[in-house]
Protein backbone atom coordinates (compact mmCIF):
# COMPACT_ATOMS: atom_id res chain seq x y z
CA MET A 1 96.77 127.51 143.81
CA LYS A 2 94.77 124.75 145.52
CA SER A 3 92.37 122.39 143.81
CA SER A 4 90.19 119.46 144.77
CA VAL A 5 88.04 117.01 142.81
CA GLU A 6 84.63 115.61 143.70
CA LYS A 7 83.41 112.67 141.64
CA LEU A 8 79.79 113.25 140.61
CA SER A 9 79.48 110.10 138.49
CA ASP A 10 81.68 107.71 136.52
CA THR A 11 81.88 110.32 133.77
CA ARG A 12 81.56 113.70 135.50
CA VAL A 13 83.52 115.55 138.21
CA LYS A 14 83.37 118.84 140.07
CA LEU A 15 86.69 120.66 140.21
CA THR A 16 87.06 123.35 142.92
CA VAL A 17 89.98 125.75 142.48
CA GLU A 18 91.29 128.47 144.82
CA VAL A 19 93.74 131.00 143.37
CA PRO A 20 95.52 133.34 145.83
CA PHE A 21 95.74 136.95 144.71
CA GLU A 22 99.55 136.93 145.00
CA GLU A 23 99.53 134.54 142.03
CA LEU A 24 97.49 136.99 139.96
CA ASN A 25 99.93 139.91 139.76
CA LYS A 26 100.39 139.43 136.01
CA GLU A 27 96.64 139.43 135.36
CA VAL A 28 96.12 142.47 137.63
CA ASP A 29 98.80 144.42 135.75
CA GLN A 30 97.23 143.47 132.43
CA ALA A 31 93.75 144.49 133.64
CA TYR A 32 94.85 147.97 134.77
CA ALA A 33 96.84 148.49 131.57
CA ALA A 34 93.89 147.45 129.41
CA ILE A 35 91.39 149.70 131.18
CA ALA A 36 93.83 152.63 131.23
CA GLN A 37 94.02 152.36 127.43
CA GLN A 38 90.24 152.33 127.12
CA VAL A 39 89.36 155.37 129.28
CA SER A 40 90.22 159.06 129.13
CA ILE A 41 91.02 160.84 132.44
CA PRO A 42 91.73 164.60 132.42
CA GLY A 43 95.34 165.43 133.21
CA PHE A 44 96.73 162.10 132.11
CA ARG A 45 97.68 160.73 128.74
CA ARG A 46 95.74 157.67 127.62
CA GLY A 47 97.21 154.60 129.28
CA LYS A 48 99.11 156.58 131.94
CA ALA A 49 96.45 157.08 134.62
CA PRO A 50 97.52 155.71 138.04
CA ARG A 51 95.74 152.70 139.52
CA GLN A 52 94.40 154.58 142.51
CA LEU A 53 92.63 157.08 140.26
CA ILE A 54 91.17 154.30 138.11
CA ASP A 55 89.83 152.63 141.26
CA VAL A 56 88.30 155.93 142.42
CA ARG A 57 86.71 156.75 139.04
CA PHE A 58 85.54 153.27 138.01
CA GLY A 59 85.76 151.04 141.08
CA ARG A 60 87.44 147.65 141.45
CA GLY A 61 84.59 145.82 139.70
CA PRO A 62 85.91 146.14 136.12
CA ILE A 63 89.44 145.23 137.27
CA LEU A 64 88.31 142.08 139.07
CA GLU A 65 86.11 141.06 136.16
CA GLN A 66 89.04 141.40 133.75
CA VAL A 67 91.39 139.52 136.10
CA VAL A 68 88.97 136.62 136.44
CA ASN A 69 88.38 136.39 132.69
CA ASP A 70 92.12 136.41 132.02
CA MET A 71 93.12 133.85 134.63
CA LEU A 72 90.33 131.27 134.18
CA PRO A 73 91.63 129.35 131.11
CA SER A 74 95.18 128.86 132.41
CA ARG A 75 94.18 128.03 136.00
CA TYR A 76 91.48 125.61 134.85
CA GLN A 77 93.99 123.87 132.56
CA ALA A 78 96.60 123.75 135.33
CA ALA A 79 94.10 122.27 137.79
CA CYS A 80 93.09 119.56 135.28
CA GLU A 81 96.74 118.65 134.75
CA GLU A 82 97.49 118.74 138.47
CA ASN A 83 94.66 116.28 139.15
CA GLU A 84 95.37 114.24 135.98
CA LEU A 85 91.81 114.62 134.76
CA PRO A 86 91.12 113.16 131.28
CA VAL A 87 88.54 115.85 130.50
CA LEU A 88 86.04 115.63 127.66
CA GLY A 89 84.35 118.64 126.11
CA GLN A 90 83.89 122.09 127.60
CA PRO A 91 83.40 122.69 131.34
CA LYS A 92 80.58 124.54 133.06
CA ILE A 93 82.35 127.13 135.24
CA ASP A 94 80.90 129.20 138.08
CA ILE A 95 82.80 131.88 140.04
CA THR A 96 81.92 131.02 143.63
CA LYS A 97 84.06 133.50 145.55
CA ILE A 98 86.00 136.72 144.94
CA ASP A 99 87.75 138.00 148.06
CA ASP A 100 89.54 141.10 146.79
CA GLY A 101 93.23 140.96 147.59
CA LYS A 102 93.00 137.43 149.02
CA LEU A 103 91.67 134.80 146.62
CA VAL A 104 89.42 133.86 143.74
CA GLU A 105 87.51 130.59 143.85
CA PHE A 106 85.74 128.89 140.98
CA VAL A 107 84.02 125.56 140.41
CA ALA A 108 84.07 123.66 137.13
CA GLU A 109 81.85 120.71 136.29
CA VAL A 110 83.17 118.73 133.36
CA ASP A 111 82.85 115.32 131.73
CA VAL A 112 85.82 113.01 132.08
CA ARG A 113 86.81 109.78 130.42
CA PRO A 114 85.57 106.91 132.58
CA GLU A 115 87.99 104.40 134.05
CA ILE A 116 88.57 101.76 131.40
CA GLU A 117 90.45 98.55 132.05
CA VAL A 118 92.42 97.80 128.89
CA PRO A 119 92.37 94.04 128.22
CA ASP A 120 95.38 91.78 127.65
CA PHE A 121 95.57 91.62 123.86
CA SER A 122 98.16 88.83 123.96
CA SER A 123 95.37 86.45 125.03
CA TYR A 124 93.26 87.24 121.96
CA GLU A 125 92.76 84.96 118.97
CA VAL A 126 90.89 86.12 115.87
CA THR A 127 90.08 84.55 112.50
CA VAL A 128 90.03 86.55 109.27
CA PRO A 129 89.53 85.79 105.54
CA LYS A 130 92.47 84.59 103.50
CA ALA A 131 94.44 87.11 101.47
CA GLU A 132 94.28 84.89 98.42
CA VAL A 133 94.32 85.69 94.72
CA ASN A 134 93.59 82.79 92.37
CA SER A 135 93.28 82.54 88.60
CA GLU A 136 89.47 82.77 88.78
CA LYS A 137 89.65 86.22 90.41
CA VAL A 138 92.21 87.39 87.84
CA ASP A 139 90.06 86.06 84.97
CA ALA A 140 87.03 87.83 86.42
CA GLU A 141 88.93 91.16 86.42
CA VAL A 142 90.01 90.55 82.83
CA ASP A 143 86.40 89.88 81.84
CA LYS A 144 85.28 93.10 83.59
CA LEU A 145 87.79 95.02 81.50
CA ARG A 146 86.66 93.27 78.32
CA ALA A 147 83.02 94.01 79.21
CA ARG A 148 83.80 97.74 79.28
CA PHE A 149 84.69 97.50 75.61
CA SER A 150 81.97 95.02 74.61
CA GLU A 151 79.36 95.51 71.89
CA LEU A 152 75.67 94.70 72.33
CA LYS A 153 74.12 92.52 69.65
CA ASP A 154 70.54 91.29 69.24
CA THR A 155 69.90 87.68 70.17
CA ASP A 156 66.96 85.26 69.90
CA ARG A 157 68.09 82.88 72.60
CA GLU A 158 66.94 82.68 76.22
CA LEU A 159 68.19 85.36 78.61
CA LYS A 160 71.08 84.55 80.95
CA ASP A 161 73.19 86.48 83.44
CA GLY A 162 75.07 89.33 81.79
CA ASP A 163 72.55 89.87 79.00
CA VAL A 164 70.71 93.14 78.46
CA ALA A 165 66.94 93.24 78.08
CA SER A 166 64.47 95.96 77.15
CA ILE A 167 61.46 95.35 79.41
CA ASP A 168 58.04 96.66 80.39
CA LEU A 169 57.00 96.44 84.05
CA SER A 170 53.60 96.70 85.69
CA ALA A 171 52.30 95.87 89.17
CA THR A 172 48.98 95.18 90.89
CA ILE A 173 47.99 94.89 94.56
CA ASP A 174 44.75 93.01 95.19
CA GLY A 175 43.97 93.36 91.49
CA LYS A 176 44.41 97.14 91.48
CA GLU A 177 47.05 98.46 89.06
CA ILE A 178 49.79 100.61 90.63
CA GLU A 179 50.51 103.49 88.27
CA GLU A 180 53.70 104.48 90.11
CA ALA A 181 55.23 101.06 89.28
CA LYS A 182 54.45 101.09 85.57
CA THR A 183 57.52 101.35 83.31
CA GLU A 184 57.98 100.85 79.56
CA GLY A 185 61.15 100.32 77.50
CA LEU A 186 63.45 99.99 80.50
CA THR A 187 66.97 98.77 79.70
CA TYR A 188 68.04 96.26 82.34
CA ASN A 189 71.23 94.26 82.91
CA VAL A 190 70.16 90.75 83.85
CA GLY A 191 71.82 89.59 87.07
CA SER A 192 72.57 93.09 88.38
CA GLY A 193 69.99 92.77 91.17
CA ASP A 194 69.57 96.54 91.42
CA LEU A 195 65.86 97.01 90.63
CA ILE A 196 63.23 94.67 92.11
CA GLU A 197 63.85 91.57 94.18
CA GLY A 198 62.95 88.52 92.12
CA LEU A 199 63.26 90.25 88.73
CA ASP A 200 66.51 88.52 87.76
CA GLU A 201 65.08 85.07 88.52
CA ALA A 202 61.96 85.89 86.51
CA LEU A 203 63.93 87.03 83.45
CA LEU A 204 66.30 84.07 83.26
CA GLY A 205 65.21 81.77 80.42
CA LEU A 206 62.79 84.24 78.81
CA LYS A 207 62.97 85.26 75.14
CA THR A 208 61.81 88.30 73.20
CA GLY A 209 58.03 88.54 73.48
CA ASP A 210 57.77 86.42 76.64
CA GLU A 211 56.20 87.67 79.86
CA LYS A 212 56.16 86.41 83.42
CA GLU A 213 54.55 87.21 86.75
CA PHE A 214 56.25 87.15 90.17
CA THR A 215 55.56 88.63 93.59
CA ALA A 216 57.60 91.23 95.40
CA THR A 217 57.26 94.11 97.87
CA LEU A 218 57.50 97.58 96.36
CA GLU A 219 59.97 100.23 97.57
CA HIS A 220 57.49 103.07 97.04
CA PRO A 221 56.62 104.61 100.44
CA ASP A 222 52.88 104.55 99.71
CA TYR A 223 53.02 100.76 99.34
CA LYS A 224 55.75 99.88 101.80
CA ASP A 225 55.71 96.22 102.95
CA GLN A 226 52.76 95.42 100.67
CA GLU A 227 53.13 92.41 98.40
CA ALA A 228 52.47 93.14 94.73
CA THR A 229 52.09 90.99 91.64
CA ILE A 230 54.71 92.13 89.13
CA THR A 231 54.43 91.47 85.40
CA VAL A 232 57.55 91.73 83.25
CA VAL A 233 57.36 91.70 79.43
CA VAL A 234 60.54 91.19 77.41
CA LYS A 235 60.55 93.54 74.40
CA GLN A 236 64.07 92.89 73.14
CA THR A 237 67.15 90.88 74.18
CA LYS A 238 70.80 91.64 73.57
CA GLU A 239 74.05 89.92 74.48
CA ALA A 240 77.41 91.47 75.11
CA GLU A 241 80.07 90.39 72.66
CA LEU A 242 83.44 90.64 74.38
CA PRO A 243 86.60 91.50 72.45
CA ASP A 244 89.38 88.95 72.25
CA PHE A 245 92.05 89.23 74.92
CA ASP A 246 94.98 89.77 72.61
CA GLU A 247 97.78 92.28 72.03
CA GLU A 248 95.53 94.63 70.11
CA PHE A 249 92.98 94.75 72.93
CA VAL A 250 95.64 95.12 75.66
CA GLN A 251 97.31 98.03 73.87
CA MET A 252 93.94 99.70 73.34
CA ALA A 253 92.58 99.16 76.88
CA SER A 254 95.72 99.66 79.00
CA GLU A 255 99.24 101.07 79.12
CA PHE A 256 100.74 97.62 78.47
CA ASP A 257 101.81 95.93 75.23
CA GLU A 258 101.44 92.24 76.06
CA PRO A 259 98.59 90.28 77.72
CA ASP A 260 101.05 88.75 80.22
CA GLU A 261 102.08 92.23 81.39
CA LEU A 262 98.45 93.20 82.03
CA ILE A 263 97.80 89.89 83.82
CA GLU A 264 100.81 90.52 86.07
CA ASP A 265 99.62 94.06 86.85
CA ILE A 266 96.08 92.85 87.65
CA THR A 267 97.46 90.09 89.87
CA THR A 268 99.65 92.54 91.80
CA ARG A 269 96.76 94.93 92.30
CA LEU A 270 94.44 92.15 93.51
CA GLU A 271 97.12 90.93 95.91
CA GLU A 272 97.48 94.41 97.40
CA GLU A 273 93.71 94.72 97.70
CA ALA A 274 93.50 91.32 99.38
CA LYS A 275 96.20 92.29 101.87
CA SER A 276 94.48 95.61 102.61
CA ALA A 277 91.19 93.77 103.15
CA GLN A 278 92.85 91.27 105.47
CA ALA A 279 94.54 94.04 107.45
CA ALA A 280 91.21 95.85 107.82
CA ALA A 281 89.55 92.60 108.91
CA ILE A 282 92.25 92.04 111.56
CA ARG A 283 91.81 95.58 112.89
CA ASP A 284 88.01 95.32 112.95
CA GLU A 285 87.94 91.88 114.59
CA VAL A 286 90.44 92.81 117.29
CA LEU A 287 88.66 96.07 118.09
CA LYS A 288 85.26 94.37 118.10
CA LYS A 289 86.52 91.69 120.48
CA ALA A 290 88.08 94.23 122.82
CA LEU A 291 84.97 96.43 122.91
CA SER A 292 82.77 93.40 123.59
CA GLU A 293 84.80 92.59 126.72
CA VAL A 294 85.00 96.00 128.38
CA GLU A 295 82.17 97.82 130.11
CA PHE A 296 82.19 101.52 130.94
CA SER A 297 79.75 104.40 131.20
CA LEU A 298 79.45 107.01 128.49
CA PRO A 299 79.07 110.76 129.14
CA GLU A 300 75.70 111.60 127.62
CA THR A 301 76.71 115.19 126.83
CA VAL A 302 79.55 113.91 124.66
CA VAL A 303 77.20 111.52 122.87
CA ASP A 304 74.73 114.39 122.37
CA GLU A 305 77.49 116.52 120.85
CA GLN A 306 78.36 113.69 118.45
CA VAL A 307 74.68 113.30 117.49
CA ASP A 308 74.39 117.03 116.82
CA ALA A 309 77.60 117.01 114.78
CA GLN A 310 76.40 114.14 112.57
CA LYS A 311 73.01 115.77 112.03
CA HIS A 312 74.60 119.14 111.30
CA GLN A 313 76.91 117.58 108.71
CA LEU A 314 74.04 115.78 106.98
CA LEU A 315 71.70 118.76 107.03
CA GLY A 316 74.53 120.96 105.75
CA GLN A 317 74.47 118.92 102.55
CA LEU A 318 70.76 119.79 102.25
CA ALA A 319 71.19 123.51 103.01
CA HIS A 320 69.76 122.76 106.51
CA ASP A 321 66.35 122.04 104.98
CA GLU A 322 64.56 119.77 107.47
CA ALA A 323 61.66 119.29 105.05
CA ALA A 324 64.04 118.02 102.37
CA LEU A 325 65.47 115.50 104.84
CA ASN A 326 61.99 114.28 105.73
CA ARG A 327 61.16 113.84 102.04
CA ILE A 328 64.32 111.78 101.49
CA LEU A 329 63.53 109.61 104.50
CA GLU A 330 59.98 109.08 103.24
CA ALA A 331 61.28 108.06 99.81
CA GLN A 332 63.60 105.56 101.52
CA GLY A 333 60.69 104.10 103.42
CA THR A 334 61.90 105.17 106.86
CA THR A 335 60.74 107.64 109.51
CA ARG A 336 62.42 110.51 111.31
CA GLU A 337 62.22 108.52 114.54
CA GLU A 338 64.10 105.61 112.97
CA PHE A 339 66.64 108.04 111.48
CA ASP A 340 67.24 109.73 114.86
CA LYS A 341 67.60 106.32 116.53
CA ASP A 342 70.21 105.21 113.97
CA ILE A 343 72.13 108.47 114.37
CA ARG A 344 72.25 108.06 118.15
CA GLU A 345 73.35 104.42 117.92
CA ASN A 346 76.14 105.37 115.51
CA ALA A 347 77.20 108.28 117.71
CA THR A 348 77.20 106.10 120.82
CA GLU A 349 79.39 103.50 119.14
CA ALA A 350 81.76 106.19 117.83
CA VAL A 351 82.18 107.77 121.28
CA ARG A 352 82.62 104.37 122.94
CA THR A 353 85.32 103.38 120.44
CA GLN A 354 87.17 106.68 120.77
CA LEU A 355 87.18 106.58 124.57
CA PHE A 356 88.50 103.03 124.55
CA LEU A 357 91.26 103.92 122.08
CA ASP A 358 92.17 106.96 124.20
CA ALA A 359 92.59 104.66 127.22
CA LEU A 360 94.66 102.28 125.10
CA ALA A 361 96.82 105.16 123.84
CA GLU A 362 97.40 106.32 127.42
CA LYS A 363 98.56 102.84 128.36
CA GLU A 364 100.80 102.24 125.34
CA ASN A 365 101.92 105.89 125.10
CA PRO A 366 103.23 105.69 121.51
CA GLU A 367 105.33 108.55 120.17
CA VAL A 368 103.98 110.48 117.18
CA SER A 369 106.60 112.06 114.96
CA GLN A 370 106.12 115.29 113.07
CA GLN A 371 106.36 113.34 109.82
CA GLU A 372 103.59 110.95 110.88
CA LEU A 373 101.35 113.88 111.80
CA THR A 374 102.14 115.61 108.49
CA ASP A 375 101.39 112.43 106.52
CA HIS A 376 98.05 112.06 108.30
CA ILE A 377 97.13 115.69 107.61
CA LEU A 378 98.00 115.30 103.92
CA PHE A 379 96.01 112.05 103.71
CA THR A 380 92.99 113.66 105.38
CA ALA A 381 93.17 116.71 103.11
CA ASP A 382 93.28 114.42 100.07
CA SER A 383 90.25 112.45 101.31
CA TYR A 384 88.32 115.74 101.53
CA GLY A 385 89.59 116.82 98.10
CA MET A 386 91.18 119.93 99.62
CA ASP A 387 94.45 121.73 98.99
CA PRO A 388 96.81 120.69 101.84
CA ASN A 389 97.86 124.28 102.64
CA GLN A 390 94.25 125.44 102.78
CA PHE A 391 93.33 122.43 104.94
CA ILE A 392 96.19 123.12 107.38
CA GLN A 393 95.12 126.77 107.61
CA GLN A 394 91.57 125.70 108.50
CA LEU A 395 92.92 123.30 111.12
CA GLN A 396 94.98 126.05 112.72
CA GLN A 397 92.08 128.51 112.74
CA SER A 398 89.76 126.00 114.40
CA ASN A 399 92.43 124.54 116.72
CA GLN A 400 91.86 121.06 115.29
CA ILE A 401 95.46 119.92 114.76
CA GLY A 402 95.41 118.39 118.24
CA ASN A 403 92.49 116.19 117.19
CA LEU A 404 94.42 114.82 114.22
CA PHE A 405 97.42 114.24 116.48
CA ALA A 406 95.14 112.23 118.78
CA ASP A 407 93.87 110.23 115.78
CA VAL A 408 97.42 109.23 114.85
CA ARG A 409 98.20 108.34 118.48
CA ARG A 410 95.11 106.15 118.76
CA GLY A 411 95.97 104.38 115.52
CA LYS A 412 99.54 103.68 116.63
CA ALA A 413 98.38 102.39 120.01
CA LEU A 414 95.89 100.04 118.36
CA ALA A 415 98.61 98.81 115.99
CA VAL A 416 100.86 97.96 118.94
CA ALA A 417 97.99 96.06 120.59
CA ILE A 418 97.08 94.20 117.39
CA CYS A 419 100.65 92.94 117.04
CA GLN A 420 100.17 91.02 120.31
CA VAL A 421 97.14 89.10 118.96
CA SER A 422 97.19 85.58 117.55
CA VAL A 423 95.67 85.73 114.06
CA LYS A 424 94.66 82.85 111.78
CA ASP A 425 92.93 82.73 108.42
CA GLU A 426 89.87 80.64 107.59
CA ASP A 427 92.07 77.60 106.79
CA GLY A 428 93.76 77.77 110.17
CA GLU A 429 97.02 79.18 108.79
CA ALA A 430 98.83 81.65 111.05
CA VAL A 431 98.87 85.29 109.90
CA ASP A 432 101.54 87.62 111.29
CA PRO A 433 99.80 90.94 112.08
CA LYS A 434 103.19 92.67 112.26
CA GLN A 435 103.42 92.55 108.46
CA TYR A 436 100.54 95.05 108.40
CA PHE A 437 100.80 96.91 111.69
CA GLY A 438 104.33 96.48 112.99
CA ASP A 439 107.33 98.75 113.09
CA GLU A 440 110.13 96.55 114.43
CA ASP A 441 111.68 99.15 116.73
CA GLU A 442 108.32 100.34 118.08
CA ILE A 443 107.04 96.79 118.59
CA ALA A 444 110.24 95.81 120.41
CA GLU A 445 109.90 98.86 122.66
CA ALA A 446 106.21 98.13 123.28
CA GLU A 447 106.93 94.49 124.12
CA LYS A 448 109.62 95.61 126.59
CA LYS A 449 107.09 97.95 128.23
CA ILE A 450 104.61 95.09 128.50
CA ASP A 451 107.22 92.74 129.98
CA ASP A 452 108.35 95.43 132.44
CA ALA A 453 104.75 96.10 133.47
CA LYS A 454 104.10 92.39 134.02
CA ALA A 455 107.32 92.10 136.03
CA ASP A 456 106.39 95.12 138.15
CA LYS A 457 102.94 93.65 138.81
CA ALA A 458 104.46 90.30 139.77
CA ASP A 459 106.86 92.05 142.17
CA ALA A 460 104.01 94.07 143.67
CA ASP A 461 101.85 90.94 144.09
CA LYS A 462 104.76 89.12 145.76
CA ALA A 463 105.38 92.06 148.07
CA ASP A 464 101.70 92.14 149.05
CA ALA A 465 101.76 88.38 149.66
CA ASP A 466 104.91 88.67 151.81
CA LYS A 467 103.32 91.48 153.86
CA ALA A 468 100.15 89.44 154.33
CA GLU A 469 102.17 86.40 155.40
CA GLU A 470 104.27 88.46 157.78
CA LYS A 471 101.15 90.03 159.30
CA GLU A 472 99.58 86.60 159.74
CA GLU A 473 102.69 85.26 161.51
CA ASN A 474 102.67 88.22 163.89
């Protein structure tokens, strides 16, 4: 088999493959056997008709067609591997020549990952938030728990954050009352900020029977970006009375017996959350910095496929009802054009990130164990709320296990890169990324690879310099 590659663009190539007929004996045998089983020829049992008779009765056309269909996948794959093509998506294949008994030629146009220069992560410095848990954060968590078991009691004092008010709302634009904004007897948690901008500030300090006007823009699509005069009337005020934080409350609200035990558990949980947040911040900052420093073209067909996939997933949740989607967008105050633009921007960023991580994984070449792949599959199944066995069966049927393997490989490659970065928190204190991303043996091996690569490059540069000097002397 011979193959050659023509570069059509930074992200697309044309692969020309010639397969001699002597390499197709297996496919020819399979084609004759398959057709012999499908046809009935007098004097011969099904499947036993000789090749010459099949050729006479049906011609070589069906045989050649079967041979080509059978050989294409394996020869295309072999040609991609032979030319080390990092292909993306499905190829467009044309049969350009069939010379019976001599050769079959086909041409495949396919997207490929562009050349991406992976940066030197050891030169990077990033700053992330502190992974700090203080007494104020612990107290706030305790108060949240107490609030879940609080009782509302009427009060005559002025409203403050955390109180509950029963309110009436009305709105006018240029003196005209907006019926869609009129609400009576609404229960509202002061300070929640989840209704109308400016409402919390207006309510603070009011008492039962008070009213106040303020201006705000309405979320209703018919009045989008129009400033309205809002009137809020306080009908009733209540305050939350929190239970005492004592043994009785702790035993009622948790699995612990003593307040100190609950405090210790809350502190441990907050510390783990803070560490997880810091690890995520390190990952995001390093990846953002790397992506900001590399430039490469994106294959538009791959981006289009990602756009279609995101739209299909969203519309699937709406039973593929385009009208329902348009109604939702209208209620959110956005247009289909803005929605499509956001989808494409998200898809573009997703493809760009994945291609970069693929290039990084190729450079670092981390090993993925069966256990790591299994753990990732179980985690993904759990995130989808699916039975692991059912999820694995679906992956096998759709040939998606390779994609999850690639996900693990990308993640491990990024972890190796992150461990080379200098990280500090907001106070300038050094943070060791290896505590979150490092496996000692893998990091040691990766560092050796990096040192070896740098040494090889230095040797190559010196050799080039010596050759240049020698040439100049001659």
